[in-house]
Protein backbone atom coordinates (compact mmCIF):
# COMPACT_ATOMS: atom_id res chain seq x y z
CA UNK A 1 31.42 194.50 185.45
CA UNK A 2 32.16 196.91 188.30
CA UNK A 3 35.69 198.17 188.04
CA UNK A 4 37.57 197.96 191.33
CA UNK A 5 39.21 201.15 192.47
CA UNK A 6 41.49 202.24 195.24
CA UNK A 7 41.49 205.52 197.16
CA UNK A 8 44.74 206.13 199.00
CA UNK A 9 45.03 208.25 202.12
CA UNK A 10 48.38 209.34 203.49
CA UNK A 11 48.82 209.16 207.24
CA UNK A 12 47.16 212.19 208.87
CA UNK A 13 49.55 214.65 210.46
CA UNK A 14 48.46 216.75 213.43
CA UNK A 15 49.79 220.16 214.43
CA UNK A 16 49.27 221.29 218.02
CA UNK A 17 49.08 225.07 217.60
CA UNK A 18 50.42 226.33 220.91
CA UNK A 19 50.79 229.82 219.49
CA UNK A 20 50.87 232.22 222.43
CA UNK A 21 48.87 230.00 224.77
CA UNK A 22 52.03 229.67 226.91
CA UNK A 23 51.23 233.09 228.44
CA UNK A 24 54.83 234.22 227.91
CA UNK A 25 56.13 231.50 230.25
CA UNK A 26 58.82 229.08 228.99
CA UNK A 27 57.90 226.54 231.64
CA UNK A 28 54.31 226.41 230.35
CA UNK A 29 55.58 226.29 226.76
CA UNK A 30 57.69 223.24 227.52
CA UNK A 31 54.84 221.59 229.41
CA UNK A 32 52.65 222.05 226.32
CA UNK A 33 55.36 220.44 224.16
CA UNK A 34 55.60 217.48 226.54
CA UNK A 35 51.84 216.90 226.46
CA UNK A 36 51.72 217.32 222.68
CA UNK A 37 54.46 214.70 222.29
CA UNK A 38 52.69 212.32 224.67
CA UNK A 39 49.45 212.82 222.72
CA UNK A 40 51.00 211.43 219.56
CA UNK A 41 50.76 214.56 217.41
CA UNK A 42 53.44 215.41 214.87
CA UNK A 43 54.20 219.10 215.39
CA UNK A 44 54.25 221.57 218.28
CA UNK A 45 53.88 225.04 216.76
CA UNK A 46 54.43 228.51 218.18
CA UNK A 47 54.22 232.08 216.79
CA UNK A 48 56.88 234.73 216.15
CA UNK A 49 56.25 238.44 215.74
CA UNK A 50 58.40 241.55 215.51
CA UNK A 51 55.76 243.80 216.95
CA UNK A 52 57.41 247.09 216.05
CA UNK A 53 57.58 245.95 212.44
CA UNK A 54 54.15 244.36 212.34
CA UNK A 55 52.16 247.11 214.09
CA UNK A 56 51.85 250.80 213.33
CA UNK A 57 52.72 253.20 216.15
CA UNK A 58 49.02 253.81 216.68
CA UNK A 59 48.22 250.09 216.85
CA UNK A 60 51.14 249.48 219.19
CA UNK A 61 50.07 252.17 221.66
CA UNK A 62 46.32 251.66 221.65
CA UNK A 63 44.56 249.59 224.34
CA UNK A 64 43.86 245.93 223.74
CA UNK A 65 40.42 245.66 222.06
CA UNK A 66 39.37 243.23 224.79
CA UNK A 67 41.13 244.48 227.96
CA UNK A 68 40.16 241.42 230.01
CA UNK A 69 42.49 239.37 227.80
CA UNK A 70 45.39 241.82 227.85
CA UNK A 71 48.80 241.19 229.40
CA UNK A 72 49.84 244.85 229.12
CA UNK A 73 48.61 248.44 229.27
CA UNK A 74 48.68 248.73 225.46
CA UNK A 75 48.22 246.23 222.66
CA UNK A 76 51.94 246.48 221.90
CA UNK A 77 52.88 245.79 225.51
CA UNK A 78 50.47 242.85 225.51
CA UNK A 79 52.10 241.37 222.41
CA UNK A 80 55.62 241.91 223.75
CA UNK A 81 54.73 240.13 227.00
CA UNK A 82 53.74 237.03 225.02
CA UNK A 83 56.74 237.11 222.67
CA UNK A 84 59.71 234.73 222.88
CA UNK A 85 63.04 235.85 221.43
CA UNK A 86 65.07 233.84 218.93
CA UNK A 87 67.22 232.15 221.59
CA UNK A 88 64.08 230.99 223.38
CA UNK A 89 62.70 229.60 220.12
CA UNK A 90 65.99 227.77 219.57
CA UNK A 91 65.66 226.29 223.06
CA UNK A 92 62.06 225.22 222.35
CA UNK A 93 63.11 223.61 219.06
CA UNK A 94 65.86 221.63 220.75
CA UNK A 95 63.52 220.64 223.56
CA UNK A 96 60.83 219.45 221.12
CA UNK A 97 63.33 217.44 219.09
CA UNK A 98 64.59 215.76 222.28
CA UNK A 99 61.02 214.47 222.69
CA UNK A 100 60.81 213.31 219.06
CA UNK A 101 58.24 215.90 218.01
CA UNK A 102 58.73 218.53 215.31
CA UNK A 103 58.98 222.20 216.25
CA UNK A 104 57.47 224.87 214.01
CA UNK A 105 56.42 228.49 214.17
CA UNK A 106 53.98 230.80 212.44
CA UNK A 107 55.74 233.96 211.27
CA UNK A 108 53.96 237.30 210.98
CA UNK A 109 56.58 239.59 209.43
CA UNK A 110 59.76 239.58 207.37
CA UNK A 111 62.17 239.87 210.29
CA UNK A 112 60.50 236.97 212.11
CA UNK A 113 60.61 234.87 208.93
CA UNK A 114 64.35 235.46 208.54
CA UNK A 115 64.97 234.68 212.21
CA UNK A 116 63.03 231.41 212.17
CA UNK A 117 64.65 230.36 208.88
CA UNK A 118 67.99 230.55 210.71
CA UNK A 119 66.74 227.72 212.98
CA UNK A 120 65.99 225.57 209.92
CA UNK A 121 62.74 223.92 211.09
CA UNK A 122 61.11 221.30 208.88
CA UNK A 123 58.14 223.60 208.21
CA UNK A 124 57.15 227.22 208.73
CA UNK A 125 53.53 228.42 208.84
CA UNK A 126 52.06 231.59 207.37
CA UNK A 127 48.83 232.59 209.16
CA UNK A 128 45.79 233.75 207.24
CA UNK A 129 46.35 237.33 208.43
CA UNK A 130 49.72 237.50 206.66
CA UNK A 131 49.28 235.39 203.55
CA UNK A 132 49.23 238.54 201.40
CA UNK A 133 52.52 239.82 202.89
CA UNK A 134 54.52 239.16 199.73
CA UNK A 135 57.74 240.63 201.04
CA UNK A 136 57.66 237.96 203.74
CA UNK A 137 56.50 235.27 201.31
CA UNK A 138 59.46 236.12 199.06
CA UNK A 139 61.84 235.46 201.94
CA UNK A 140 60.19 232.10 202.61
CA UNK A 141 60.20 231.23 198.92
CA UNK A 142 63.75 232.30 198.11
CA UNK A 143 65.73 231.80 201.33
CA UNK A 144 64.11 228.76 202.94
CA UNK A 145 64.14 225.15 201.74
CA UNK A 146 61.53 223.52 204.01
CA UNK A 147 57.77 223.26 203.67
CA UNK A 148 55.77 226.48 203.70
CA UNK A 149 52.28 226.02 205.15
CA UNK A 150 49.75 228.76 204.36
CA UNK A 151 46.23 229.20 205.73
CA UNK A 152 43.50 230.53 203.43
CA UNK A 153 41.24 232.08 206.08
CA UNK A 154 39.68 235.46 205.16
CA UNK A 155 41.17 235.08 201.69
CA UNK A 156 39.48 235.51 198.30
CA UNK A 157 39.80 232.91 195.56
CA UNK A 158 41.79 235.39 193.47
CA UNK A 159 44.18 235.88 196.40
CA UNK A 160 44.59 232.10 196.78
CA UNK A 161 45.59 231.88 193.13
CA UNK A 162 48.01 234.79 193.51
CA UNK A 163 49.72 233.14 196.49
CA UNK A 164 50.21 229.77 194.80
CA UNK A 165 51.28 231.38 191.53
CA UNK A 166 53.86 233.44 193.41
CA UNK A 167 55.61 230.27 194.57
CA UNK A 168 55.22 228.66 191.16
CA UNK A 169 57.17 231.55 189.60
CA UNK A 170 60.30 229.95 191.07
CA UNK A 171 59.06 226.35 190.75
CA UNK A 172 58.45 226.18 194.50
CA UNK A 173 54.80 225.10 194.53
CA UNK A 174 55.87 221.60 195.54
CA UNK A 175 56.90 222.98 198.96
CA UNK A 176 53.48 224.45 199.70
CA UNK A 177 50.79 223.07 202.00
CA UNK A 178 47.61 225.15 201.78
CA UNK A 179 44.90 225.07 204.44
CA UNK A 180 41.16 225.48 204.41
CA UNK A 181 40.38 227.81 207.30
CA UNK A 182 37.70 230.10 208.69
CA UNK A 183 39.26 232.87 210.76
CA UNK A 184 37.07 233.11 213.85
CA UNK A 185 37.64 232.26 217.54
CA UNK A 186 35.68 230.09 217.99
CA UNK A 187 33.91 229.25 214.70
CA UNK A 188 30.35 227.90 214.61
CA UNK A 189 29.87 224.63 212.76
CA UNK A 190 27.87 226.41 210.06
CA UNK A 191 30.84 228.67 209.32
CA UNK A 192 33.47 225.92 209.08
CA UNK A 193 32.41 225.35 205.45
CA UNK A 194 34.13 221.98 205.33
CA UNK A 195 33.55 221.48 201.61
CA UNK A 196 36.10 224.24 201.00
CA UNK A 197 38.62 221.44 201.45
CA UNK A 198 37.20 219.72 198.37
CA UNK A 199 37.30 222.95 196.36
CA UNK A 200 40.87 223.76 197.39
CA UNK A 201 41.99 220.22 196.65
CA UNK A 202 40.36 220.30 193.22
CA UNK A 203 42.02 223.62 192.36
CA UNK A 204 45.47 223.05 193.78
CA UNK A 205 46.18 219.34 194.40
CA UNK A 206 48.44 219.10 191.34
CA UNK A 207 50.18 222.39 192.12
CA UNK A 208 51.05 222.08 195.82
CA UNK A 209 52.51 219.38 198.04
CA UNK A 210 49.47 218.80 200.22
CA UNK A 211 46.18 220.14 201.61
CA UNK A 212 45.46 220.95 205.25
CA UNK A 213 42.67 222.08 207.55
CA UNK A 214 43.12 224.65 210.31
CA UNK A 215 40.15 224.51 212.66
CA UNK A 216 39.01 227.00 215.28
CA UNK A 217 35.80 225.19 216.19
CA UNK A 218 34.74 223.35 219.32
CA UNK A 219 35.23 219.62 219.78
CA UNK A 220 36.93 217.14 217.44
CA UNK A 221 34.11 215.55 215.45
CA UNK A 222 34.54 217.50 212.23
CA UNK A 223 38.32 217.05 212.07
CA UNK A 224 37.72 213.46 211.01
CA UNK A 225 35.55 214.75 208.18
CA UNK A 226 38.32 217.14 207.17
CA UNK A 227 40.74 214.24 206.83
CA UNK A 228 38.38 212.05 204.83
CA UNK A 229 37.64 214.99 202.51
CA UNK A 230 41.32 215.31 201.68
CA UNK A 231 43.09 217.34 204.38
CA UNK A 232 46.30 215.49 205.19
CA UNK A 233 47.36 218.07 207.80
CA UNK A 234 45.06 218.90 210.71
CA UNK A 235 45.94 221.94 212.82
CA UNK A 236 44.20 222.75 216.10
CA UNK A 237 44.93 225.31 218.80
CA UNK A 238 46.10 223.72 222.04
CA UNK A 239 46.10 224.92 225.65
CA UNK A 240 46.33 223.56 229.16
CA UNK A 241 43.18 225.39 230.25
CA UNK A 242 40.47 226.88 228.01
CA UNK A 243 39.48 229.33 230.76
CA UNK A 244 42.87 231.06 230.84
CA UNK A 245 43.13 234.73 229.90
CA UNK A 246 43.73 235.24 226.18
CA UNK A 247 41.82 235.26 222.91
CA UNK A 248 42.86 231.80 221.61
CA UNK A 249 42.17 229.61 224.63
CA UNK A 250 38.41 229.34 224.10
CA UNK A 251 38.92 227.90 220.61
CA UNK A 252 41.65 225.49 221.74
CA UNK A 253 41.74 221.83 222.67
CA UNK A 254 42.83 220.81 226.15
CA UNK A 255 45.17 217.81 226.63
CA UNK A 256 42.43 215.15 226.67
CA UNK A 257 40.90 216.53 223.47
CA UNK A 258 44.25 216.67 221.66
CA UNK A 259 45.02 213.08 222.61
CA UNK A 260 41.61 211.89 221.41
CA UNK A 261 41.99 213.80 218.15
CA UNK A 262 45.31 212.11 217.35
CA UNK A 263 43.90 208.73 218.36
CA UNK A 264 40.75 209.08 216.26
CA UNK A 265 42.62 210.28 213.18
CA UNK A 266 44.98 207.31 213.38
CA UNK A 267 42.01 204.96 213.70
CA UNK A 268 40.30 206.60 210.74
CA UNK A 269 43.44 206.21 208.65
CA UNK A 270 43.54 202.49 209.41
CA UNK A 271 39.89 202.12 208.42
CA UNK A 272 40.06 203.85 205.03
CA UNK A 273 40.49 200.95 202.64
CA UNK A 274 38.53 198.64 200.39
CA UNK A 275 38.11 194.96 201.10
CA UNK A 276 40.94 193.07 199.42
CA UNK A 277 38.76 189.97 199.20
CA UNK A 278 34.98 189.61 199.27
CA UNK A 279 34.89 187.75 202.60
CA UNK A 280 37.44 188.86 205.14
CA UNK A 281 38.89 186.33 207.61
CA UNK A 282 37.12 188.13 210.46
CA UNK A 283 33.82 187.51 208.64
CA UNK A 284 34.34 183.83 207.79
CA UNK A 285 33.11 182.28 211.02
CA UNK A 286 30.18 184.69 211.11
CA UNK A 287 29.24 183.80 207.54
CA UNK A 288 29.39 180.08 208.33
CA UNK A 289 27.21 180.60 211.38
CA UNK A 290 24.77 183.30 210.33
CA UNK A 291 24.52 183.64 206.57
CA UNK A 292 21.15 182.66 205.11
CA UNK A 293 21.42 179.50 203.02
CA UNK A 294 19.11 179.11 200.10
CA UNK A 295 17.44 175.73 199.88
């Protein structure tokens, strides 16, 4: 006898990673929140950096590595142009919540982590570039009570274990969401390595709250695969115009793409079940009309 089994999928949750795609303009930032809310995604996410803390003096004063994308004469000036202060982030959080969408932020340094914690968002993200910044991780572990989402791009397996174990030291693994990620902008399909989701889930599903996928690829086809492989959270960069100046726009979804992504993930969630009975009601009339009858 074939034993019946059930596979359960939680509702997919989508993060619209606005990041710095607002071009340093609060009006554009709010427009992106409005469109994200209308698209049916769950979270509108930004970034917070203390550039003097994050960058060395040399890094701060050197030219942008790709001057065509720069908003300042130096890399530091470029980053400062795109940075919102804490009061602006508070305003964005309140604006997002007025539209019934969650606000979140990626934090890149200890000062930014402490500042964003003061706003008490539901979740805070740690980007792949900073997931080995244990001074910052300690602040998020010990001073913050919400979910901590951490991307595993450009991260070794030993480093993944070190990060999760660090939170487990204080019994805080149940607040972690860890993401499969390839850190490129954009990433070719061959380099997405989607089965990393399966590996990460196998290694950490009983040690963290959930698994996610942070994609920097083109299109939305593989995000459905990410969900069916076990990524409950799907994060994609989001912009109003992929041709705008900046390094993240080319790997971002525009409004139509974000809306379709949320729609398709919801449809996929509804479809992921087993038949509760052998012949569904929708099939009954077709069976009566079409099914071969043995004589």
